[in-house]
PDB file of N, CA and C in Angstrom:
ATOM      1  N   MET A   1     -66.160-123.338 114.927  1.00  0.00           N
ATOM      2  CA  MET A   1     -64.941-122.668 115.623  1.00  0.00           C
ATOM      3  C   MET A   1     -63.714-123.461 115.532  1.00  0.00           C
ATOM      4  N   ALA A   2     -63.031-121.927 116.280  1.00  0.00           N
ATOM      5  CA  ALA A   2     -61.089-122.877 115.999  1.00  0.00           C
ATOM      6  C   ALA A   2     -60.849-122.529 117.484  1.00  0.00           C
ATOM      7  N   THR A   3     -59.905-123.297 117.548  1.00  0.00           N
ATOM      8  CA  THR A   3     -59.651-123.439 119.001  1.00  0.00           C
ATOM      9  C   THR A   3     -58.044-122.739 119.220  1.00  0.00           C
ATOM     10  N   VAL A   4     -57.809-122.345 120.216  1.00  0.00           N
ATOM     11  CA  VAL A   4     -56.542-121.057 120.507  1.00  0.00           C
ATOM     12  C   VAL A   4     -56.135-122.243 122.201  1.00  0.00           C
ATOM     13  N   ASP A   5     -54.818-122.491 122.260  1.00  0.00           N
ATOM     14  CA  ASP A   5     -54.443-123.223 123.556  1.00  0.00           C
ATOM     15  C   ASP A   5     -53.423-121.978 123.876  1.00  0.00           C
ATOM     16  N   MET A   6     -53.983-121.832 125.134  1.00  0.00           N
ATOM     17  CA  MET A   6     -53.001-120.407 126.109  1.00  0.00           C
ATOM     18  C   MET A   6     -52.585-121.475 126.687  1.00  0.00           C
ATOM     19  N   HIS A   7     -51.053-120.311 127.123  1.00  0.00           N
ATOM     20  CA  HIS A   7     -50.310-121.131 127.990  1.00  0.00           C
ATOM     21  C   HIS A   7     -49.455-119.757 128.724  1.00  0.00           C
ATOM     22  N   ASP A   8     -49.120-120.091 130.273  1.00  0.00           N
ATOM     23  CA  ASP A   8     -48.824-119.122 130.979  1.00  0.00           C
ATOM     24  C   ASP A   8     -48.977-117.942 130.354  1.00  0.00           C
ATOM     25  N   ILE A   9     -50.721-117.272 131.074  1.00  0.00           N
ATOM     26  CA  ILE A   9     -50.706-116.450 130.600  1.00  0.00           C
ATOM     27  C   ILE A   9     -51.272-114.999 131.959  1.00  0.00           C
ATOM     28  N   ASP A  10     -50.259-113.845 131.554  1.00  0.00           N
ATOM     29  CA  ASP A  10     -50.500-112.917 132.733  1.00  0.00           C
ATOM     30  C   ASP A  10     -52.254-112.354 133.110  1.00  0.00           C
ATOM     31  N   LEU A  11     -53.325-113.586 133.917  1.00  0.00           N
ATOM     32  CA  LEU A  11     -54.705-112.963 134.123  1.00  0.00           C
ATOM     33  C   LEU A  11     -55.041-111.478 133.538  1.00  0.00           C
ATOM     34  N   LYS A  12     -54.492-110.479 134.031  1.00  0.00           N
ATOM     35  CA  LYS A  12     -55.093-109.304 133.730  1.00  0.00           C
ATOM     36  C   LYS A  12     -54.726-109.011 133.328  1.00  0.00           C
ATOM     37  N   GLU A  13     -53.895-109.178 132.016  1.00  0.00           N
ATOM     38  CA  GLU A  13     -53.049-108.608 130.661  1.00  0.00           C
ATOM     39  C   GLU A  13     -54.568-109.447 129.653  1.00  0.00           C
ATOM     40  N   PHE A  14     -54.421-110.682 129.837  1.00  0.00           N
ATOM     41  CA  PHE A  14     -55.739-111.723 129.080  1.00  0.00           C
ATOM     42  C   PHE A  14     -57.000-111.100 129.314  1.00  0.00           C
ATOM     43  N   ASN A  15     -57.425-110.906 130.708  1.00  0.00           N
ATOM     44  CA  ASN A  15     -58.665-109.802 130.972  1.00  0.00           C
ATOM     45  C   ASN A  15     -58.967-108.368 130.076  1.00  0.00           C
ATOM     46  N   GLU A  16     -57.705-107.569 129.573  1.00  0.00           N
ATOM     47  CA  GLU A  16     -57.803-106.870 128.747  1.00  0.00           C
ATOM     48  C   GLU A  16     -57.952-107.189 127.025  1.00  0.00           C
ATOM     49  N   VAL A  17     -57.183-107.954 127.024  1.00  0.00           N
ATOM     50  CA  VAL A  17     -57.380-108.706 125.656  1.00  0.00           C
ATOM     51  C   VAL A  17     -59.091-108.937 125.464  1.00  0.00           C
ATOM     52  N   LEU A  18     -59.195-109.767 126.424  1.00  0.00           N
ATOM     53  CA  LEU A  18     -60.997-110.479 126.173  1.00  0.00           C
ATOM     54  C   LEU A  18     -61.561-109.667 126.251  1.00  0.00           C
ATOM     55  N   ALA A  19     -61.529-108.194 126.669  1.00  0.00           N
ATOM     56  CA  ALA A  19     -62.692-107.379 126.957  1.00  0.00           C
ATOM     57  C   ALA A  19     -62.669-106.772 125.405  1.00  0.00           C
ATOM     58  N   THR A  20     -61.526-106.642 124.450  1.00  0.00           N
ATOM     59  CA  THR A  20     -61.568-105.972 123.217  1.00  0.00           C
ATOM     60  C   THR A  20     -62.536-107.374 122.358  1.00  0.00           C
ATOM     61  N   CYS A  21     -62.330-108.484 122.561  1.00  0.00           N
ATOM     62  CA  CYS A  21     -63.177-109.720 121.990  1.00  0.00           C
ATOM     63  C   CYS A  21     -64.488-109.392 121.607  1.00  0.00           C
ATOM     64  N   THR A  22     -65.020-109.301 120.497  1.00  0.00           N
ATOM     65  CA  THR A  22     -66.171-108.964 119.703  1.00  0.00           C
ATOM     66  C   THR A  22     -67.141-110.474 119.850  1.00  0.00           C
ATOM     67  N   GLY A  23     -66.433-111.254 119.535  1.00  0.00           N
ATOM     68  CA  GLY A  23     -67.808-112.934 119.565  1.00  0.00           C
ATOM     69  C   GLY A  23     -67.538-113.265 121.070  1.00  0.00           C
ATOM     70  N   ASN A  24     -68.308-114.411 120.986  1.00  0.00           N
ATOM     71  CA  ASN A  24     -68.143-115.422 122.281  1.00  0.00           C
ATOM     72  C   ASN A  24     -67.077-116.107 122.659  1.00  0.00           C
ATOM     73  N   VAL A  25     -66.398-116.073 123.364  1.00  0.00           N
ATOM     74  CA  VAL A  25     -64.996-116.395 123.936  1.00  0.00           C
ATOM     75  C   VAL A  25     -65.351-117.791 124.676  1.00  0.00           C
ATOM     76  N   PHE A  26     -64.949-119.245 124.672  1.00  0.00           N
ATOM     77  CA  PHE A  26     -65.330-119.989 125.247  1.00  0.00           C
ATOM     78  C   PHE A  26     -63.953-120.959 126.050  1.00  0.00           C
ATOM     79  N   MET A  27     -64.373-120.937 126.771  1.00  0.00           N
ATOM     80  CA  MET A  27     -62.895-122.022 127.619  1.00  0.00           C
ATOM     81  C   MET A  27     -63.839-123.549 128.177  1.00  0.00           C
ATOM     82  N   VAL A  28     -62.682-124.208 127.452  1.00  0.00           N
ATOM     83  CA  VAL A  28     -62.871-125.656 127.433  1.00  0.00           C
ATOM     84  C   VAL A  28     -62.148-125.956 128.419  1.00  0.00           C
ATOM     85  N   THR A  29     -62.655-126.776 129.629  1.00  0.00           N
ATOM     86  CA  THR A  29     -62.352-127.003 130.994  1.00  0.00           C
ATOM     87  C   THR A  29     -62.136-128.381 130.867  1.00  0.00           C
ATOM     88  N   PRO A  30     -60.833-129.399 131.595  1.00  0.00           N
ATOM     89  CA  PRO A  30     -60.819-130.588 131.201  1.00  0.00           C
ATOM     90  C   PRO A  30     -61.857-131.631 131.282  1.00  0.00           C
ATOM     91  N   ASP A  31     -62.946-131.246 131.971  1.00  0.00           N
ATOM     92  CA  ASP A  31     -63.868-132.317 131.922  1.00  0.00           C
ATOM     93  C   ASP A  31     -64.996-132.405 130.528  1.00  0.00           C
ATOM     94  N   GLY A  32     -64.551-131.136 129.772  1.00  0.00           N
ATOM     95  CA  GLY A  32     -65.327-130.968 128.425  1.00  0.00           C
ATOM     96  C   GLY A  32     -66.458-129.815 128.537  1.00  0.00           C
ATOM     97  N   ASP A  33     -66.343-129.186 129.398  1.00  0.00           N
ATOM     98  CA  ASP A  33     -67.602-127.771 129.732  1.00  0.00           C
ATOM     99  C   ASP A  33     -66.984-126.838 128.392  1.00  0.00           C
ATOM    100  N   ARG A  34     -68.337-125.937 128.786  1.00  0.00           N
ATOM    101  CA  ARG A  34     -67.983-124.488 127.921  1.00  0.00           C
ATOM    102  C   ARG A  34     -67.943-123.432 128.679  1.00  0.00           C
ATOM    103  N   LEU A  35     -67.238-122.867 128.977  1.00  0.00           N
ATOM    104  CA  LEU A  35     -67.406-121.617 130.078  1.00  0.00           C
ATOM    105  C   LEU A  35     -67.475-120.023 128.715  1.00  0.00           C
ATOM    106  N   ASN A  36     -68.447-119.694 128.606  1.00  0.00           N
ATOM    107  CA  ASN A  36     -68.343-118.405 127.982  1.00  0.00           C
ATOM    108  C   ASN A  36     -67.753-116.995 128.819  1.00  0.00           C
ATOM    109  N   LEU A  37     -66.307-116.698 128.178  1.00  0.00           N
ATOM    110  CA  LEU A  37     -65.975-116.160 129.042  1.00  0.00           C
ATOM    111  C   LEU A  37     -66.094-114.437 128.778  1.00  0.00           C
ATOM    112  N   LYS A  38     -67.073-113.806 128.578  1.00  0.00           N
ATOM    113  CA  LYS A  38     -67.795-112.685 128.134  1.00  0.00           C
ATOM    114  C   LYS A  38     -68.665-113.038 129.241  1.00  0.00           C
ATOM    115  N   SER A  39     -69.073-113.702 130.388  1.00  0.00           N
ATOM    116  CA  SER A  39     -69.774-113.913 131.142  1.00  0.00           C
ATOM    117  C   SER A  39     -68.736-113.731 132.290  1.00  0.00           C
ATOM    118  N   LYS A  40     -68.822-112.504 132.674  1.00  0.00           N
ATOM    119  CA  LYS A  40     -68.008-112.346 134.653  1.00  0.00           C
ATOM    120  C   LYS A  40     -68.304-113.678 135.837  1.00  0.00           C
ATOM    121  N   LEU A  41     -69.170-114.440 135.829  1.00  0.00           N
ATOM    122  CA  LEU A  41     -69.532-115.421 136.556  1.00  0.00           C
ATOM    123  C   LEU A  41     -68.661-116.711 135.840  1.00  0.00           C
ATOM    124  N   CYS A  42     -69.184-116.699 134.595  1.00  0.00           N
ATOM    125  CA  CYS A  42     -67.622-118.049 133.859  1.00  0.00           C
ATOM    126  C   CYS A  42     -66.529-117.646 134.062  1.00  0.00           C
ATOM    127  N   GLN A  43     -65.910-116.371 133.961  1.00  0.00           N
ATOM    128  CA  GLN A  43     -64.467-115.939 134.407  1.00  0.00           C
ATOM    129  C   GLN A  43     -63.950-116.870 135.672  1.00  0.00           C
ATOM    130  N   LEU A  44     -64.925-116.081 136.651  1.00  0.00           N
ATOM    131  CA  LEU A  44     -64.463-116.273 138.078  1.00  0.00           C
ATOM    132  C   LEU A  44     -64.536-117.979 137.645  1.00  0.00           C
ATOM    133  N   ILE A  45     -65.122-118.512 137.433  1.00  0.00           N
ATOM    134  CA  ILE A  45     -65.610-120.633 137.448  1.00  0.00           C
ATOM    135  C   ILE A  45     -64.213-121.470 137.101  1.00  0.00           C
ATOM    136  N   GLY A  46     -64.023-120.426 135.417  1.00  0.00           N
ATOM    137  CA  GLY A  46     -63.189-120.681 134.876  1.00  0.00           C
ATOM    138  C   GLY A  46     -61.223-120.583 135.409  1.00  0.00           C
ATOM    139  N   PHE A  47     -61.780-119.702 135.613  1.00  0.00           N
ATOM    140  CA  PHE A  47     -60.206-118.633 136.350  1.00  0.00           C
ATOM    141  C   PHE A  47     -59.974-119.957 137.096  1.00  0.00           C
ATOM    142  N   THR A  48     -60.608-119.770 138.610  1.00  0.00           N
ATOM    143  CA  THR A  48     -59.897-120.747 139.958  1.00  0.00           C
ATOM    144  C   THR A  48     -59.763-121.903 139.375  1.00  0.00           C
ATOM    145  N   LYS A  49     -60.396-122.192 138.320  1.00  0.00           N
ATOM    146  CA  LYS A  49     -60.007-123.607 138.175  1.00  0.00           C
ATOM    147  C   LYS A  49     -58.842-123.599 137.404  1.00  0.00           C
ATOM    148  N   LEU A  50     -57.915-122.903 136.646  1.00  0.00           N
ATOM    149  CA  LEU A  50     -56.560-122.582 135.785  1.00  0.00           C
ATOM    150  C   LEU A  50     -55.575-121.878 136.279  1.00  0.00           C
ATOM    151  N   ILE A  51     -55.758-121.483 137.739  1.00  0.00           N
ATOM    152  CA  ILE A  51     -54.922-120.633 137.553  1.00  0.00           C
ATOM    153  C   ILE A  51     -53.834-121.390 138.410  1.00  0.00           C
ATOM    154  N   GLU A  52     -52.812-120.494 138.751  1.00  0.00           N
ATOM    155  CA  GLU A  52     -51.290-121.159 138.811  1.00  0.00           C
ATOM    156  C   GLU A  52     -50.471-120.440 139.031  1.00  0.00           C
ATOM    157  N   GLY A  53     -50.267-119.426 140.488  1.00  0.00           N
ATOM    158  CA  GLY A  53     -49.178-118.336 140.991  1.00  0.00           C
ATOM    159  C   GLY A  53     -49.721-117.573 140.540  1.00  0.00           C
ATOM    160  N   GLY A  54     -51.049-116.609 139.787  1.00  0.00           N
ATOM    161  CA  GLY A  54     -50.939-115.326 139.386  1.00  0.00           C
ATOM    162  C   GLY A  54     -51.434-115.709 137.900  1.00  0.00           C
ATOM    163  N   SER A  55     -51.086-117.036 137.201  1.00  0.00           N
ATOM    164  CA  SER A  55     -51.024-116.982 135.651  1.00  0.00           C
ATOM    165  C   SER A  55     -51.885-117.794 135.366  1.00  0.00           C
ATOM    166  N   ILE A  56     -52.174-117.905 134.430  1.00  0.00           N
ATOM    167  CA  ILE A  56     -53.257-118.919 134.031  1.00  0.00           C
ATOM    168  C   ILE A  56     -52.567-120.410 133.315  1.00  0.00           C
ATOM    169  N   ALA A  57     -52.566-121.569 133.830  1.00  0.00           N
ATOM    170  CA  ALA A  57     -51.426-121.900 133.548  1.00  0.00           C
ATOM    171  C   ALA A  57     -51.294-123.037 131.832  1.00  0.00           C
ATOM    172  N   ASN A  58     -52.585-123.084 131.904  1.00  0.00           N
ATOM    173  CA  ASN A  58     -53.026-123.876 130.241  1.00  0.00           C
ATOM    174  C   ASN A  58     -54.569-124.078 130.112  1.00  0.00           C
ATOM    175  N   ALA A  59     -54.549-123.619 129.357  1.00  0.00           N
ATOM    176  CA  ALA A  59     -56.071-123.212 128.578  1.00  0.00           C
ATOM    177  C   ALA A  59     -56.771-123.793 127.205  1.00  0.00           C
ATOM    178  N   THR A  60     -57.136-124.220 127.174  1.00  0.00           N
ATOM    179  CA  THR A  60     -58.376-124.133 125.658  1.00  0.00           C
ATOM    180  C   THR A  60     -59.629-123.194 125.235  1.00  0.00           C
ATOM    181  N   LEU A  61     -58.830-122.515 124.159  1.00  0.00           N
ATOM    182  CA  LEU A  61     -60.463-121.679 123.606  1.00  0.00           C
ATOM    183  C   LEU A  61     -61.074-121.927 122.735  1.00  0.00           C
ATOM    184  N   LEU A  62     -62.412-121.897 122.712  1.00  0.00           N
ATOM    185  CA  LEU A  62     -63.271-121.858 121.484  1.00  0.00           C
ATOM    186  C   LEU A  62     -63.744-120.242 121.246  1.00  0.00           C
ATOM    187  N   CYS A  63     -63.162-119.395 120.000  1.00  0.00           N
ATOM    188  CA  CYS A  63     -63.571-118.220 119.014  1.00  0.00           C
ATOM    189  C   CYS A  63     -64.942-118.516 118.480  1.00  0.00           C
ATOM    190  N   GLU A  64     -65.644-117.464 118.642  1.00  0.00           N
ATOM    191  CA  GLU A  64     -66.600-117.993 117.486  1.00  0.00           C
ATOM    192  C   GLU A  64     -65.985-117.094 116.064  1.00  0.00           C
ATOM    193  N   ASN A  65     -65.260-116.189 116.301  1.00  0.00           N
ATOM    194  CA  ASN A  65     -64.952-114.426 115.680  1.00  0.00           C
ATOM    195  C   ASN A  65     -63.442-114.866 115.093  1.00  0.00           C
ATOM    196  N   LYS A  66     -62.791-115.217 114.190  1.00  0.00           N
ATOM    197  CA  LYS A  66     -61.684-114.966 113.462  1.00  0.00           C
ATOM    198  C   LYS A  66     -60.635-114.104 113.816  1.00  0.00           C
ATOM    199  N   GLU A  67     -61.240-113.094 113.790  1.00  0.00           N
ATOM    200  CA  GLU A  67     -60.341-112.165 114.456  1.00  0.00           C
ATOM    201  C   GLU A  67     -59.677-111.861 116.047  1.00  0.00           C
ATOM    202  N   ASP A  68     -61.090-112.579 116.641  1.00  0.00           N
ATOM    203  CA  ASP A  68     -60.811-113.148 117.741  1.00  0.00           C
ATOM    204  C   ASP A  68     -59.805-113.841 118.116  1.00  0.00           C
ATOM    205  N   GLU A  69     -59.940-114.616 117.539  1.00  0.00           N
ATOM    206  CA  GLU A  69     -58.994-116.101 117.481  1.00  0.00           C
ATOM    207  C   GLU A  69     -57.419-115.569 116.996  1.00  0.00           C
ATOM    208  N   SER A  70     -57.342-114.758 116.057  1.00  0.00           N
ATOM    209  CA  SER A  70     -56.138-114.578 115.674  1.00  0.00           C
ATOM    210  C   SER A  70     -55.473-114.137 116.593  1.00  0.00           C
ATOM    211  N   LYS A  71     -56.402-112.877 117.797  1.00  0.00           N
ATOM    212  CA  LYS A  71     -55.499-111.791 118.559  1.00  0.00           C
ATOM    213  C   LYS A  71     -55.126-112.563 119.695  1.00  0.00           C
ATOM    214  N   LEU A  72     -55.990-113.451 120.373  1.00  0.00           N
ATOM    215  CA  LEU A  72     -55.951-114.211 121.093  1.00  0.00           C
ATOM    216  C   LEU A  72     -54.653-115.204 120.987  1.00  0.00           C
ATOM    217  N   PHE A  73     -54.122-115.604 120.047  1.00  0.00           N
ATOM    218  CA  PHE A  73     -53.145-116.288 119.312  1.00  0.00           C
ATOM    219  C   PHE A  73     -51.888-115.456 119.357  1.00  0.00           C
ATOM    220  N   ARG A  74     -51.934-114.014 119.551  1.00  0.00           N
ATOM    221  CA  ARG A  74     -51.279-113.575 119.271  1.00  0.00           C
ATOM    222  C   ARG A  74     -50.595-112.648 120.155  1.00  0.00           C
ATOM    223  N   PHE A  75     -51.682-112.700 121.627  1.00  0.00           N
ATOM    224  CA  PHE A  75     -51.488-112.734 122.461  1.00  0.00           C
ATOM    225  C   PHE A  75     -50.472-113.702 123.018  1.00  0.00           C
ATOM    226  N   ASN A  76     -51.089-114.637 123.144  1.00  0.00           N
ATOM    227  CA  ASN A  76     -50.622-115.228 123.709  1.00  0.00           C
ATOM    228  C   ASN A  76     -48.681-115.857 122.810  1.00  0.00           C
ATOM    229  N   MET A  77     -48.826-115.694 121.905  1.00  0.00           N
ATOM    230  CA  MET A  77     -46.854-115.940 121.570  1.00  0.00           C
ATOM    231  C   MET A  77     -46.148-115.034 121.709  1.00  0.00           C
ATOM    232  N   PHE A  78     -46.769-113.092 121.539  1.00  0.00           N
ATOM    233  CA  PHE A  78     -46.113-111.976 121.795  1.00  0.00           C
ATOM    234  C   PHE A  78     -46.441-111.749 122.736  1.00  0.00           C
ATOM    235  N   GLY A  79     -47.330-111.716 123.507  1.00  0.00           N
ATOM    236  CA  GLY A  79     -47.684-111.132 124.855  1.00  0.00           C
ATOM    237  C   GLY A  79     -48.476-109.625 124.305  1.00  0.00           C
ATOM    238  N   GLU A  80     -48.560-109.473 123.462  1.00  0.00           N
ATOM    239  CA  GLU A  80     -48.911-107.997 122.827  1.00  0.00           C
ATOM    240  C   GLU A  80     -50.521-107.584 122.824  1.00  0.00           C
ATOM    241  N   LYS A  81     -50.665-106.908 123.480  1.00  0.00           N
ATOM    242  CA  LYS A  81     -52.641-106.495 123.800  1.00  0.00           C
ATOM    243  C   LYS A  81     -53.219-106.254 122.330  1.00  0.00           C
TER     244      LYS A  81
END
């Protein structure tokens, strides 16, 4: 699995992009826990730890699917949905 480091992302737009991912996407916490972001419960847990002022300050994601990795990388770099 490949990792994508996300920085300063709008949470609403990120959720919209995440919903289009076909494979599992995991958020790795600073403690090393992996939260499956396809689960709404894991999203709540993960996002509350990382949210600063309505946006995600910093997150590391693991993607099972290469297309999802590319999609999230483009979103992080260019803000494209």
